[in-house]
Amino acid sequence: MIEPVAIPINYIERKPDSRYYRVIGKGITVEFLSRFIDNPDWPMERIAEGYGLTPAEIHAAWSFYYDHKAEIDAHIAEQTADFEAHAEESRAQKAELIRKYEARTGNKWTDT
């Protein structure tokens, strides 16, 4: 009996010193593409056209995501927490600048 041969499909890479898995030669991360899974506003054809990817590259990224879901989801959660922390810090800095402006000028700050 002839033994089957596994044929790898190589569309995903991770560069040295990077935490991001990317579609080879495209720079688009698996993490980014994972956000489109099951999004009816972004079918595979729209993603392919909009980002210069082939259907095979998109499906490979999604498949890779499912195989590494815990790791990628943890990275997304970490990025979200970092973003929220920086956003809160920015809001606090803006509030302080407004307070100083109003104290110095005697004028009320308006966002226009």
PDB file of N, CA and C in Angstrom:
ATOM      1  N   MET A   1       0.831  -1.175   0.000  1.00  0.00           N
ATOM      2  CA  MET A   1       0.000   0.000   0.000  1.00  0.00           C
ATOM      3  C   MET A   1       0.884   1.252   0.000  1.00  0.00           C
ATOM      4  N   ILE A   2       0.474   2.229  -0.746  1.00  0.00           N
ATOM      5  CA  ILE A   2       1.212   3.486  -0.835  1.00  0.00           C
ATOM      6  C   ILE A   2       0.779   4.394   0.303  1.00  0.00           C
ATOM      7  N   GLU A   3       1.786   4.938   0.986  1.00  0.00           N
ATOM      8  CA  GLU A   3       1.510   5.845   2.109  1.00  0.00           C
ATOM      9  C   GLU A   3       1.152   7.233   1.585  1.00  0.00           C
ATOM     10  N   PRO A   4       0.171   7.882   2.205  1.00  0.00           N
ATOM     11  CA  PRO A   4      -0.153   9.249   1.783  1.00  0.00           C
ATOM     12  C   PRO A   4       0.972  10.215   2.166  1.00  0.00           C
ATOM     13  N   VAL A   5       1.069  11.254   1.421  1.00  0.00           N
ATOM     14  CA  VAL A   5       2.094  12.272   1.661  1.00  0.00           C
ATOM     15  C   VAL A   5       1.395  13.560   2.077  1.00  0.00           C
ATOM     16  N   ALA A   6       1.793  14.109   3.206  1.00  0.00           N
ATOM     17  CA  ALA A   6       1.245  15.383   3.648  1.00  0.00           C
ATOM     18  C   ALA A   6       1.898  16.505   2.845  1.00  0.00           C
ATOM     19  N   ILE A   7       1.076  17.409   2.349  1.00  0.00           N
ATOM     20  CA  ILE A   7       1.585  18.523   1.552  1.00  0.00           C
ATOM     21  C   ILE A   7       1.312  19.809   2.332  1.00  0.00           C
ATOM     22  N   PRO A   8       2.370  20.450   2.827  1.00  0.00           N
ATOM     23  CA  PRO A   8       2.157  21.680   3.589  1.00  0.00           C
ATOM     24  C   PRO A   8       1.757  22.833   2.672  1.00  0.00           C
ATOM     25  N   ILE A   9       0.927  23.686   3.184  1.00  0.00           N
ATOM     26  CA  ILE A   9       0.550  24.906   2.475  1.00  0.00           C
ATOM     27  C   ILE A   9       1.153  26.057   3.276  1.00  0.00           C
ATOM     28  N   ASN A  10       2.067  26.768   2.675  1.00  0.00           N
ATOM     29  CA  ASN A  10       2.832  27.777   3.396  1.00  0.00           C
ATOM     30  C   ASN A  10       2.438  29.182   2.960  1.00  0.00           C
ATOM     31  N   TYR A  11       1.490  29.769   3.687  1.00  0.00           N
ATOM     32  CA  TYR A  11       1.083  31.134   3.424  1.00  0.00           C
ATOM     33  C   TYR A  11       1.378  32.064   4.603  1.00  0.00           C
ATOM     34  N   ILE A  12       1.739  31.511   5.732  1.00  0.00           N
ATOM     35  CA  ILE A  12       1.889  32.298   6.955  1.00  0.00           C
ATOM     36  C   ILE A  12       3.346  32.289   7.411  1.00  0.00           C
ATOM     37  N   GLU A  13       3.808  33.453   7.867  1.00  0.00           N
ATOM     38  CA  GLU A  13       5.165  33.568   8.389  1.00  0.00           C
ATOM     39  C   GLU A  13       5.143  34.388   9.679  1.00  0.00           C
ATOM     40  N   ARG A  14       6.181  34.234  10.450  1.00  0.00           N
ATOM     41  CA  ARG A  14       6.432  35.120  11.594  1.00  0.00           C
ATOM     42  C   ARG A  14       7.902  35.460  11.545  1.00  0.00           C
ATOM     43  N   LYS A  15       8.180  36.735  11.410  1.00  0.00           N
ATOM     44  CA  LYS A  15       9.562  37.186  11.287  1.00  0.00           C
ATOM     45  C   LYS A  15      10.252  37.131  12.641  1.00  0.00           C
ATOM     46  N   PRO A  16      11.579  37.001  12.629  1.00  0.00           N
ATOM     47  CA  PRO A  16      12.322  36.977  13.890  1.00  0.00           C
ATOM     48  C   PRO A  16      12.015  38.222  14.720  1.00  0.00           C
ATOM     49  N   ASP A  17      11.924  38.026  16.011  1.00  0.00           N
ATOM     50  CA  ASP A  17      11.657  39.127  16.953  1.00  0.00           C
ATOM     51  C   ASP A  17      10.299  39.788  16.741  1.00  0.00           C
ATOM     52  N   SER A  18       9.342  39.081  16.178  1.00  0.00           N
ATOM     53  CA  SER A  18       7.996  39.619  15.992  1.00  0.00           C
ATOM     54  C   SER A  18       6.989  38.694  16.658  1.00  0.00           C
ATOM     55  N   ARG A  19       5.944  39.268  17.186  1.00  0.00           N
ATOM     56  CA  ARG A  19       4.861  38.469  17.770  1.00  0.00           C
ATOM     57  C   ARG A  19       3.738  38.243  16.766  1.00  0.00           C
ATOM     58  N   TYR A  20       3.867  38.826  15.593  1.00  0.00           N
ATOM     59  CA  TYR A  20       2.787  38.797  14.618  1.00  0.00           C
ATOM     60  C   TYR A  20       3.003  37.742  13.545  1.00  0.00           C
ATOM     61  N   TYR A  21       1.958  36.979  13.291  1.00  0.00           N
ATOM     62  CA  TYR A  21       1.930  36.052  12.166  1.00  0.00           C
ATOM     63  C   TYR A  21       1.333  36.827  10.994  1.00  0.00           C
ATOM     64  N   ARG A  22       1.965  36.740   9.844  1.00  0.00           N
ATOM     65  CA  ARG A  22       1.533  37.502   8.676  1.00  0.00           C
ATOM     66  C   ARG A  22       1.377  36.609   7.451  1.00  0.00           C
ATOM     67  N   VAL A  23       0.568  37.087   6.512  1.00  0.00           N
ATOM     68  CA  VAL A  23       0.494  36.443   5.209  1.00  0.00           C
ATOM     69  C   VAL A  23       1.808  36.776   4.503  1.00  0.00           C
ATOM     70  N   ILE A  24       2.496  35.758   4.036  1.00  0.00           N
ATOM     71  CA  ILE A  24       3.814  35.931   3.426  1.00  0.00           C
ATOM     72  C   ILE A  24       3.755  36.938   2.280  1.00  0.00           C
ATOM     73  N   GLY A  25       4.652  37.912   2.368  1.00  0.00           N
ATOM     74  CA  GLY A  25       4.781  38.902   1.312  1.00  0.00           C
ATOM     75  C   GLY A  25       3.700  39.964   1.273  1.00  0.00           C
ATOM     76  N   LYS A  26       2.740  39.911   2.177  1.00  0.00           N
ATOM     77  CA  LYS A  26       1.642  40.875   2.146  1.00  0.00           C
ATOM     78  C   LYS A  26       1.656  41.817   3.346  1.00  0.00           C
ATOM     79  N   GLY A  27       2.260  41.398   4.454  1.00  0.00           N
ATOM     80  CA  GLY A  27       2.311  42.246   5.630  1.00  0.00           C
ATOM     81  C   GLY A  27       1.016  42.328   6.412  1.00  0.00           C
ATOM     82  N   ILE A  28       0.013  41.612   6.002  1.00  0.00           N
ATOM     83  CA  ILE A  28      -1.278  41.627   6.695  1.00  0.00           C
ATOM     84  C   ILE A  28      -1.275  40.512   7.729  1.00  0.00           C
ATOM     85  N   THR A  29      -1.630  40.859   8.959  1.00  0.00           N
ATOM     86  CA  THR A  29      -1.523  39.887  10.038  1.00  0.00           C
ATOM     87  C   THR A  29      -2.726  38.958  10.109  1.00  0.00           C
ATOM     88  N   VAL A  30      -2.446  37.775  10.627  1.00  0.00           N
ATOM     89  CA  VAL A  30      -3.500  36.803  10.906  1.00  0.00           C
ATOM     90  C   VAL A  30      -4.458  37.406  11.933  1.00  0.00           C
ATOM     91  N   GLU A  31      -3.900  38.102  12.896  1.00  0.00           N
ATOM     92  CA  GLU A  31      -4.695  38.762  13.934  1.00  0.00           C
ATOM     93  C   GLU A  31      -5.726  39.705  13.303  1.00  0.00           C
ATOM     94  N   PHE A  32      -5.292  40.534  12.358  1.00  0.00           N
ATOM     95  CA  PHE A  32      -6.186  41.463  11.672  1.00  0.00           C
ATOM     96  C   PHE A  32      -7.268  40.701  10.918  1.00  0.00           C
ATOM     97  N   LEU A  33      -6.858  39.699  10.154  1.00  0.00           N
ATOM     98  CA  LEU A  33      -7.829  38.943   9.361  1.00  0.00           C
ATOM     99  C   LEU A  33      -8.794  38.153  10.228  1.00  0.00           C
ATOM    100  N   SER A  34      -8.360  37.772  11.441  1.00  0.00           N
ATOM    101  CA  SER A  34      -9.251  37.006  12.316  1.00  0.00           C
ATOM    102  C   SER A  34     -10.482  37.809  12.709  1.00  0.00           C
ATOM    103  N   ARG A  35     -10.383  39.116  12.671  1.00  0.00           N
ATOM    104  CA  ARG A  35     -11.508  39.973  13.061  1.00  0.00           C
ATOM    105  C   ARG A  35     -12.616  39.976  12.020  1.00  0.00           C
ATOM    106  N   PHE A  36     -12.318  39.472  10.826  1.00  0.00           N
ATOM    107  CA  PHE A  36     -13.318  39.414   9.765  1.00  0.00           C
ATOM    108  C   PHE A  36     -14.084  38.087   9.735  1.00  0.00           C
ATOM    109  N   ILE A  37     -13.638  37.117  10.510  1.00  0.00           N
ATOM    110  CA  ILE A  37     -14.298  35.813  10.494  1.00  0.00           C
ATOM    111  C   ILE A  37     -15.760  35.992  10.903  1.00  0.00           C
ATOM    112  N   ASP A  38     -16.645  35.453  10.119  1.00  0.00           N
ATOM    113  CA  ASP A  38     -18.095  35.488  10.370  1.00  0.00           C
ATOM    114  C   ASP A  38     -18.679  36.895  10.364  1.00  0.00           C
ATOM    115  N   ASN A  39     -17.999  37.863   9.770  1.00  0.00           N
ATOM    116  CA  ASN A  39     -18.539  39.208   9.664  1.00  0.00           C
ATOM    117  C   ASN A  39     -19.265  39.316   8.326  1.00  0.00           C
ATOM    118  N   PRO A  40     -20.590  39.419   8.359  1.00  0.00           N
ATOM    119  CA  PRO A  40     -21.336  39.440   7.101  1.00  0.00           C
ATOM    120  C   PRO A  40     -21.042  40.660   6.231  1.00  0.00           C
ATOM    121  N   ASP A  41     -20.525  41.727   6.826  1.00  0.00           N
ATOM    122  CA  ASP A  41     -20.174  42.909   6.049  1.00  0.00           C
ATOM    123  C   ASP A  41     -18.853  42.741   5.306  1.00  0.00           C
ATOM    124  N   TRP A  42     -18.079  41.738   5.691  1.00  0.00           N
ATOM    125  CA  TRP A  42     -16.778  41.506   5.082  1.00  0.00           C
ATOM    126  C   TRP A  42     -16.645  40.054   4.610  1.00  0.00           C
ATOM    127  N   PRO A  43     -17.328  39.706   3.530  1.00  0.00           N
ATOM    128  CA  PRO A  43     -17.139  38.350   2.994  1.00  0.00           C
ATOM    129  C   PRO A  43     -15.729  38.204   2.427  1.00  0.00           C
ATOM    130  N   MET A  44     -15.319  36.982   2.259  1.00  0.00           N
ATOM    131  CA  MET A  44     -13.973  36.679   1.803  1.00  0.00           C
ATOM    132  C   MET A  44     -13.635  37.422   0.508  1.00  0.00           C
ATOM    133  N   GLU A  45     -14.567  37.540  -0.415  1.00  0.00           N
ATOM    134  CA  GLU A  45     -14.312  38.210  -1.688  1.00  0.00           C
ATOM    135  C   GLU A  45     -13.981  39.689  -1.478  1.00  0.00           C
ATOM    136  N   ARG A  46     -14.678  40.340  -0.570  1.00  0.00           N
ATOM    137  CA  ARG A  46     -14.420  41.750  -0.286  1.00  0.00           C
ATOM    138  C   ARG A  46     -13.051  41.930   0.371  1.00  0.00           C
ATOM    139  N   ILE A  47     -12.720  41.032   1.269  1.00  0.00           N
ATOM    140  CA  ILE A  47     -11.406  41.092   1.925  1.00  0.00           C
ATOM    141  C   ILE A  47     -10.306  40.918   0.877  1.00  0.00           C
ATOM    142  N   ALA A  48     -10.473  39.927   0.006  1.00  0.00           N
ATOM    143  CA  ALA A  48      -9.470  39.653  -1.030  1.00  0.00           C
ATOM    144  C   ALA A  48      -9.265  40.873  -1.915  1.00  0.00           C
ATOM    145  N   GLU A  49     -10.343  41.470  -2.337  1.00  0.00           N
ATOM    146  CA  GLU A  49     -10.257  42.637  -3.212  1.00  0.00           C
ATOM    147  C   GLU A  49      -9.676  43.846  -2.473  1.00  0.00           C
ATOM    148  N   GLY A  50     -10.132  44.055  -1.263  1.00  0.00           N
ATOM    149  CA  GLY A  50      -9.716  45.227  -0.512  1.00  0.00           C
ATOM    150  C   GLY A  50      -8.278  45.193  -0.031  1.00  0.00           C
ATOM    151  N   TYR A  51      -7.742  44.008   0.177  1.00  0.00           N
ATOM    152  CA  TYR A  51      -6.399  43.902   0.749  1.00  0.00           C
ATOM    153  C   TYR A  51      -5.400  43.180  -0.149  1.00  0.00           C
ATOM    154  N   GLY A  52      -5.789  42.915  -1.373  1.00  0.00           N
ATOM    155  CA  GLY A  52      -4.861  42.301  -2.319  1.00  0.00           C
ATOM    156  C   GLY A  52      -4.444  40.891  -1.940  1.00  0.00           C
ATOM    157  N   LEU A  53      -5.382  40.124  -1.408  1.00  0.00           N
ATOM    158  CA  LEU A  53      -5.107  38.750  -0.996  1.00  0.00           C
ATOM    159  C   LEU A  53      -5.856  37.777  -1.888  1.00  0.00           C
ATOM    160  N   THR A  54      -5.369  36.552  -1.931  1.00  0.00           N
ATOM    161  CA  THR A  54      -6.100  35.503  -2.634  1.00  0.00           C
ATOM    162  C   THR A  54      -7.027  34.812  -1.629  1.00  0.00           C
ATOM    163  N   PRO A  55      -8.077  34.180  -2.108  1.00  0.00           N
ATOM    164  CA  PRO A  55      -8.926  33.419  -1.195  1.00  0.00           C
ATOM    165  C   PRO A  55      -8.122  32.383  -0.404  1.00  0.00           C
ATOM    166  N   ALA A  56      -7.143  31.753  -1.042  1.00  0.00           N
ATOM    167  CA  ALA A  56      -6.322  30.749  -0.351  1.00  0.00           C
ATOM    168  C   ALA A  56      -5.551  31.380   0.806  1.00  0.00           C
ATOM    169  N   GLU A  57      -5.015  32.580   0.609  1.00  0.00           N
ATOM    170  CA  GLU A  57      -4.280  33.255   1.679  1.00  0.00           C
ATOM    171  C   GLU A  57      -5.202  33.590   2.853  1.00  0.00           C
ATOM    172  N   ILE A  58      -6.398  34.045   2.551  1.00  0.00           N
ATOM    173  CA  ILE A  58      -7.357  34.380   3.611  1.00  0.00           C
ATOM    174  C   ILE A  58      -7.748  33.129   4.379  1.00  0.00           C
ATOM    175  N   HIS A  59      -8.093  32.080   3.664  1.00  0.00           N
ATOM    176  CA  HIS A  59      -8.488  30.834   4.338  1.00  0.00           C
ATOM    177  C   HIS A  59      -7.326  30.243   5.126  1.00  0.00           C
ATOM    178  N   ALA A  60      -6.115  30.375   4.611  1.00  0.00           N
ATOM    179  CA  ALA A  60      -4.943  29.891   5.348  1.00  0.00           C
ATOM    180  C   ALA A  60      -4.771  30.679   6.647  1.00  0.00           C
ATOM    181  N   ALA A  61      -4.963  31.993   6.579  1.00  0.00           N
ATOM    182  CA  ALA A  61      -4.844  32.821   7.783  1.00  0.00           C
ATOM    183  C   ALA A  61      -5.914  32.441   8.798  1.00  0.00           C
ATOM    184  N   TRP A  62      -7.121  32.234   8.330  1.00  0.00           N
ATOM    185  CA  TRP A  62      -8.208  31.857   9.246  1.00  0.00           C
ATOM    186  C   TRP A  62      -7.950  30.477   9.854  1.00  0.00           C
ATOM    187  N   SER A  63      -7.473  29.560   9.038  1.00  0.00           N
ATOM    188  CA  SER A  63      -7.155  28.230   9.544  1.00  0.00           C
ATOM    189  C   SER A  63      -6.046  28.308  10.584  1.00  0.00           C
ATOM    190  N   PHE A  64      -5.025  29.108  10.292  1.00  0.00           N
ATOM    191  CA  PHE A  64      -3.920  29.291  11.232  1.00  0.00           C
ATOM    192  C   PHE A  64      -4.435  29.902  12.532  1.00  0.00           C
ATOM    193  N   TYR A  65      -5.327  30.868  12.409  1.00  0.00           N
ATOM    194  CA  TYR A  65      -5.917  31.491  13.603  1.00  0.00           C
ATOM    195  C   TYR A  65      -6.582  30.436  14.482  1.00  0.00           C
ATOM    196  N   TYR A  66      -7.394  29.580  13.878  1.00  0.00           N
ATOM    197  CA  TYR A  66      -8.084  28.551  14.674  1.00  0.00           C
ATOM    198  C   TYR A  66      -7.096  27.604  15.345  1.00  0.00           C
ATOM    199  N   ASP A  67      -5.983  27.307  14.684  1.00  0.00           N
ATOM    200  CA  ASP A  67      -4.963  26.439  15.277  1.00  0.00           C
ATOM    201  C   ASP A  67      -4.177  27.128  16.394  1.00  0.00           C
ATOM    202  N   HIS A  68      -4.177  28.467  16.407  1.00  0.00           N
ATOM    203  CA  HIS A  68      -3.399  29.235  17.394  1.00  0.00           C
ATOM    204  C   HIS A  68      -4.281  30.267  18.100  1.00  0.00           C
ATOM    205  N   LYS A  69      -5.557  29.929  18.224  1.00  0.00           N
ATOM    206  CA  LYS A  69      -6.571  30.851  18.748  1.00  0.00           C
ATOM    207  C   LYS A  69      -6.220  31.412  20.121  1.00  0.00           C
ATOM    208  N   ALA A  70      -5.823  30.587  21.056  1.00  0.00           N
ATOM    209  CA  ALA A  70      -5.534  31.051  22.419  1.00  0.00           C
ATOM    210  C   ALA A  70      -4.415  32.087  22.410  1.00  0.00           C
ATOM    211  N   GLU A  71      -3.353  31.807  21.683  1.00  0.00           N
ATOM    212  CA  GLU A  71      -2.216  32.736  21.624  1.00  0.00           C
ATOM    213  C   GLU A  71      -2.613  34.062  20.973  1.00  0.00           C
ATOM    214  N   ILE A  72      -3.300  33.992  19.850  1.00  0.00           N
ATOM    215  CA  ILE A  72      -3.664  35.208  19.113  1.00  0.00           C
ATOM    216  C   ILE A  72      -4.713  36.009  19.886  1.00  0.00           C
ATOM    217  N   ASP A  73      -5.696  35.339  20.463  1.00  0.00           N
ATOM    218  CA  ASP A  73      -6.705  36.042  21.259  1.00  0.00           C
ATOM    219  C   ASP A  73      -6.088  36.717  22.484  1.00  0.00           C
ATOM    220  N   ALA A  74      -5.100  36.072  23.094  1.00  0.00           N
ATOM    221  CA  ALA A  74      -4.417  36.681  24.242  1.00  0.00           C
ATOM    222  C   ALA A  74      -3.672  37.941  23.803  1.00  0.00           C
ATOM    223  N   HIS A  75      -3.068  37.907  22.629  1.00  0.00           N
ATOM    224  CA  HIS A  75      -2.367  39.073  22.111  1.00  0.00           C
ATOM    225  C   HIS A  75      -3.350  40.200  21.807  1.00  0.00           C
ATOM    226  N   ILE A  76      -4.503  39.868  21.229  1.00  0.00           N
ATOM    227  CA  ILE A  76      -5.539  40.871  20.951  1.00  0.00           C
ATOM    228  C   ILE A  76      -6.026  41.499  22.256  1.00  0.00           C
ATOM    229  N   ALA A  77      -6.257  40.675  23.270  1.00  0.00           N
ATOM    230  CA  ALA A  77      -6.722  41.188  24.562  1.00  0.00           C
ATOM    231  C   ALA A  77      -5.673  42.109  25.185  1.00  0.00           C
ATOM    232  N   GLU A  78      -4.411  41.744  25.065  1.00  0.00           N
ATOM    233  CA  GLU A  78      -3.333  42.574  25.598  1.00  0.00           C
ATOM    234  C   GLU A  78      -3.280  43.918  24.877  1.00  0.00           C
ATOM    235  N   GLN A  79      -3.412  43.891  23.559  1.00  0.00           N
ATOM    236  CA  GLN A  79      -3.401  45.133  22.785  1.00  0.00           C
ATOM    237  C   GLN A  79      -4.595  46.014  23.146  1.00  0.00           C
ATOM    238  N   THR A  80      -5.751  45.396  23.324  1.00  0.00           N
ATOM    239  CA  THR A  80      -6.948  46.147  23.685  1.00  0.00           C
ATOM    240  C   THR A  80      -6.769  46.816  25.040  1.00  0.00           C
ATOM    241  N   ALA A  81      -6.227  46.093  25.996  1.00  0.00           N
ATOM    242  CA  ALA A  81      -5.984  46.655  27.331  1.00  0.00           C
ATOM    243  C   ALA A  81      -4.984  47.805  27.254  1.00  0.00           C
ATOM    244  N   ASP A  82      -3.921  47.642  26.461  1.00  0.00           N
ATOM    245  CA  ASP A  82      -2.931  48.710  26.285  1.00  0.00           C
ATOM    246  C   ASP A  82      -3.577  49.944  25.655  1.00  0.00           C
ATOM    247  N   PHE A  83      -4.395  49.716  24.643  1.00  0.00           N
ATOM    248  CA  PHE A  83      -5.074  50.824  23.972  1.00  0.00           C
ATOM    249  C   PHE A  83      -5.978  51.572  24.946  1.00  0.00           C
ATOM    250  N   GLU A  84      -6.754  50.820  25.711  1.00  0.00           N
ATOM    251  CA  GLU A  84      -7.668  51.452  26.667  1.00  0.00           C
ATOM    252  C   GLU A  84      -6.900  52.223  27.739  1.00  0.00           C
ATOM    253  N   ALA A  85      -5.780  51.690  28.182  1.00  0.00           N
ATOM    254  CA  ALA A  85      -4.970  52.387  29.184  1.00  0.00           C
ATOM    255  C   ALA A  85      -4.425  53.691  28.611  1.00  0.00           C
ATOM    256  N   HIS A  86      -3.958  53.652  27.374  1.00  0.00           N
ATOM    257  CA  HIS A  86      -3.431  54.865  26.745  1.00  0.00           C
ATOM    258  C   HIS A  86      -4.549  55.870  26.472  1.00  0.00           C
ATOM    259  N   ALA A  87      -5.716  55.376  26.107  1.00  0.00           N
ATOM    260  CA  ALA A  87      -6.841  56.279  25.865  1.00  0.00           C
ATOM    261  C   ALA A  87      -7.232  56.992  27.150  1.00  0.00           C
ATOM    262  N   GLU A  88      -7.271  56.265  28.253  1.00  0.00           N
ATOM    263  CA  GLU A  88      -7.592  56.878  29.549  1.00  0.00           C
ATOM    264  C   GLU A  88      -6.518  57.894  29.933  1.00  0.00           C
ATOM    265  N   GLU A  89      -5.269  57.558  29.702  1.00  0.00           N
ATOM    266  CA  GLU A  89      -4.171  58.479  29.985  1.00  0.00           C
ATOM    267  C   GLU A  89      -4.299  59.744  29.130  1.00  0.00           C
ATOM    268  N   SER A  90      -4.667  59.584  27.862  1.00  0.00           N
ATOM    269  CA  SER A  90      -4.841  60.733  26.973  1.00  0.00           C
ATOM    270  C   SER A  90      -5.998  61.609  27.424  1.00  0.00           C
ATOM    271  N   ARG A  91      -7.092  60.987  27.856  1.00  0.00           N
ATOM    272  CA  ARG A  91      -8.232  61.766  28.359  1.00  0.00           C
ATOM    273  C   ARG A  91      -7.825  62.563  29.592  1.00  0.00           C
ATOM    274  N   ALA A  92      -7.056  61.949  30.477  1.00  0.00           N
ATOM    275  CA  ALA A  92      -6.605  62.642  31.691  1.00  0.00           C
ATOM    276  C   ALA A  92      -5.678  63.799  31.331  1.00  0.00           C
ATOM    277  N   GLN A  93      -4.783  63.588  30.368  1.00  0.00           N
ATOM    278  CA  GLN A  93      -3.876  64.657  29.946  1.00  0.00           C
ATOM    279  C   GLN A  93      -4.656  65.809  29.321  1.00  0.00           C
ATOM    280  N   LYS A  94      -5.654  65.487  28.505  1.00  0.00           N
ATOM    281  CA  LYS A  94      -6.470  66.527  27.881  1.00  0.00           C
ATOM    282  C   LYS A  94      -7.221  67.313  28.951  1.00  0.00           C
ATOM    283  N   ALA A  95      -7.794  66.619  29.919  1.00  0.00           N
ATOM    284  CA  ALA A  95      -8.524  67.298  30.993  1.00  0.00           C
ATOM    285  C   ALA A  95      -7.599  68.242  31.756  1.00  0.00           C
ATOM    286  N   GLU A  96      -6.377  67.823  32.008  1.00  0.00           N
ATOM    287  CA  GLU A  96      -5.415  68.663  32.713  1.00  0.00           C
ATOM    288  C   GLU A  96      -5.043  69.888  31.878  1.00  0.00           C
ATOM    289  N   LEU A  97      -4.845  69.706  30.589  1.00  0.00           N
ATOM    290  CA  LEU A  97      -4.531  70.836  29.716  1.00  0.00           C
ATOM    291  C   LEU A  97      -5.692  71.829  29.662  1.00  0.00           C
ATOM    292  N   ILE A  98      -6.900  71.322  29.604  1.00  0.00           N
ATOM    293  CA  ILE A  98      -8.079  72.199  29.593  1.00  0.00           C
ATOM    294  C   ILE A  98      -8.166  72.978  30.900  1.00  0.00           C
ATOM    295  N   ARG A  99      -7.943  72.301  32.003  1.00  0.00           N
ATOM    296  CA  ARG A  99      -7.980  72.962  33.308  1.00  0.00           C
ATOM    297  C   ARG A  99      -6.952  74.087  33.359  1.00  0.00           C
ATOM    298  N   LYS A 100      -5.738  73.811  32.909  1.00  0.00           N
ATOM    299  CA  LYS A 100      -4.688  74.830  32.906  1.00  0.00           C
ATOM    300  C   LYS A 100      -5.036  75.996  31.979  1.00  0.00           C
ATOM    301  N   TYR A 101      -5.569  75.679  30.798  1.00  0.00           N
ATOM    302  CA  TYR A 101      -5.967  76.725  29.850  1.00  0.00           C
ATOM    303  C   TYR A 101      -7.010  77.638  30.475  1.00  0.00           C
ATOM    304  N   GLU A 102      -8.036  77.029  31.061  1.00  0.00           N
ATOM    305  CA  GLU A 102      -9.115  77.821  31.650  1.00  0.00           C
ATOM    306  C   GLU A 102      -8.612  78.661  32.826  1.00  0.00           C
ATOM    307  N   ALA A 103      -7.706  78.103  33.624  1.00  0.00           N
ATOM    308  CA  ALA A 103      -7.160  78.841  34.761  1.00  0.00           C
ATOM    309  C   ALA A 103      -6.298  80.008  34.283  1.00  0.00           C
ATOM    310  N   ARG A 104      -5.529  79.789  33.234  1.00  0.00           N
ATOM    311  CA  ARG A 104      -4.622  80.815  32.736  1.00  0.00           C
ATOM    312  C   ARG A 104      -5.361  81.914  31.982  1.00  0.00           C
ATOM    313  N   THR A 105      -6.371  81.550  31.178  1.00  0.00           N
ATOM    314  CA  THR A 105      -7.036  82.530  30.312  1.00  0.00           C
ATOM    315  C   THR A 105      -8.329  83.075  30.894  1.00  0.00           C
ATOM    316  N   GLY A 106      -8.934  82.339  31.797  1.00  0.00           N
ATOM    317  CA  GLY A 106     -10.244  82.740  32.303  1.00  0.00           C
ATOM    318  C   GLY A 106     -11.360  82.437  31.335  1.00  0.00           C
ATOM    319  N   ASN A 107     -11.031  81.792  30.240  1.00  0.00           N
ATOM    320  CA  ASN A 107     -12.015  81.424  29.224  1.00  0.00           C
ATOM    321  C   ASN A 107     -12.416  79.970  29.375  1.00  0.00           C
ATOM    322  N   LYS A 108     -13.640  79.668  29.002  1.00  0.00           N
ATOM    323  CA  LYS A 108     -14.127  78.290  28.998  1.00  0.00           C
ATOM    324  C   LYS A 108     -13.638  77.604  27.733  1.00  0.00           C
ATOM    325  N   TRP A 109     -13.122  76.397  27.874  1.00  0.00           N
ATOM    326  CA  TRP A 109     -12.659  75.613  26.742  1.00  0.00           C
ATOM    327  C   TRP A 109     -13.860  75.095  25.961  1.00  0.00           C
ATOM    328  N   THR A 110     -13.780  75.176  24.630  1.00  0.00           N
ATOM    329  CA  THR A 110     -14.830  74.608  23.789  1.00  0.00           C
ATOM    330  C   THR A 110     -14.191  73.725  22.730  1.00  0.00           C
ATOM    331  N   ASP A 111     -14.751  72.573  22.531  1.00  0.00           N
ATOM    332  CA  ASP A 111     -14.321  71.681  21.454  1.00  0.00           C
ATOM    333  C   ASP A 111     -15.135  72.028  20.219  1.00  0.00           C
ATOM    334  N   THR A 112     -14.498  72.632  19.243  1.00  0.00           N
ATOM    335  CA  THR A 112     -15.221  72.970  18.014  1.00  0.00           C
ATOM    336  C   THR A 112     -14.533  72.436  16.808  1.00  0.00           C
TER     337      THR A 112
END
